[in-house]
Amino acid sequence: MKNLKKKVILTSCVFTMIFSVSASISAAQDSTQNLPSKSIVPYDVPVGYGAMGWDWPTTGETISDGWGWTGSRFHKGIDIAVYKQNVYAAADGEVLGSGVYSDSVQYVTIKHDQNAIEPGNTHNKLVSRYLHLVKGSQKVKKGDRVNQGQTIGTSGNSGASDPGKDNNYHLHFDINNKSAEFPSNNDTIDPMLFYPYNFGSIPNIVLDNM
């Protein structure tokens, strides 16, 4: 009789363990069903800049050049390969500048309502720049208030080294946390910090040369 009780208890324990493992696997599968198909960060609750809910600045889906150092060259933002598409304000703010740089690059710069989050830097506003726009396509001027998602221009290739080649069409998008209209390398931060889940609402972003 004692042996029978031991067998019953052992069988019950094994069944409980199998059920528990099966339930955990099922729960894990359910939790991943609705995840985006691509990301460069773990799927978790967005924090910091990723929790600000900024809009993706255009309709392009390919990043042709990332932020940061490539050899001895520092790139202040990201290049989104896109041909003459609308460019959108990533967040609410005020236009710091709109026009053309000395190297013929057409641009819009926006100082946003949100502040930087780094300790000792929270007094500074976030600033975004949108470069290589089609000449004269800017729809905003210095001092204008803009809303998140508002069209501010058209992507182009102004200032490109070979303006006649379609593959040079792109939107350069950079962000700095020093309230700077003309940021230095050290002022800029990686724009992808603001897009932890598939870079906002644009699905299946393709990363090239990152």
Foldseek 3Di string as FASTA:
>chain_A
DVVVVVVVVVVVVVVVVVVVVVVVVVVVVVVCPPAFPDFPDDDDPADFLQPPQWDDFWQAQEWADFAQDDPPDGAQEIKGQDAWTFTWGRAKFFWQAFAADPLFKGKTKGFHPAAHDDPPLRVFTKMKMKIQFDHPFAPDGGGDIHGGGDGGGIWAQTSPPCRVDSRNTIITMWMFRHNDPDDDSVRTDYPCSRQRGCHHPRGDRHYHPD
